[in-house]
């Protein structure tokens, strides 16, 4: 996240002008309470306030990397206390050094020394004000970004509502399944009936739950295996499905119908131009409060893949970017004849 003061010149100028009343009050106290000559008072106020305003910009980075967590509130306070000491020490050393260079007036230098405790307390107060302001900006920006993502998601859902099945179930999948059922009717009526039943269940499921954003992974896995059972009937012994599922992953939440485009991609590109058996492996585990799902398939690296725009993978990546606001949750790897897609699904 960019420093808020450098997002626009307007915000930087606002920050600078916000310190002007502080500078004026500082000079007023020096002149009318401590009876410091006007010139020295203005110098003191300008140097002290200006240096603190510049160093205060750095407190944004402490706020950025120290989040407010109710379970670690004491740790957060301690971190800010240490950061405040460092900032105030740096400010005190720089401002006092400059003031000593600009003036050798004994009474003025003595005044600086005797008012040190008061200056430190005021500096600590302003550090707290700056930290609070940055936190407000940080959480407002996060809230605004979340609202924008939700608005974008709602717009996408509205625009794609009529084409939902097209985006989740490629038309050629239904077409091929129906063709396979037609062919099986003359060869193996029992398999044709099984495939028709599975296809009907799968289509009914996709229609009934097409508005749900997430489901338990146990349900999503069941849906994916149902899809695989349809393809298994089509391709027979050429297709093998293996699963390695951790028990704790079954209760995690996963985006609805997220496995189908990945499994279709694995079957399509694994079998194309390859006469051997293709093994599809589904792996899941939980790590760092996130559900990890791996879809692996073997393929022949020497075979040129079919021309295509990768709609399945693109669809999944776009969904994740909108849902979680991150682009690093879908990882693709192709090594030694094994193509792998890893989904990382944060659990909130």
Foldseek 3Di string as FASTA:
>chain_A
DDQPLPPDVVSVVVLVVVLVVVLVVQLVCCCPPVVDDNVLSNLLSCLLSVLLSVLLSVLLVLLVPQDCDPVCNVVSVVSLVVVLVVSLVVSLVVSLVVSVVVDVDPVSNVVCVVCVVVSSVVSSVVSVVSSVVSNVVVVVVVVVVLVVLVVVVVVVCVVCVVVLCCLQPPPVLVVVLVVLLVVCVVPPPVLSVVLVVLVVVLVVVCVVCVPDFKDFVLVQVVSLVSSVSNVCSVPPQLEAEEEAEDPVSRRFIDGHSLVRLVVVVQVQQAPVPDPHHKYWYWYWDDDPQKIKIKTKIFHDPVDDGDDDDSSSVVSNQVSCCSVPVDNPQWDWDAPPRMTMIMGIGHGD
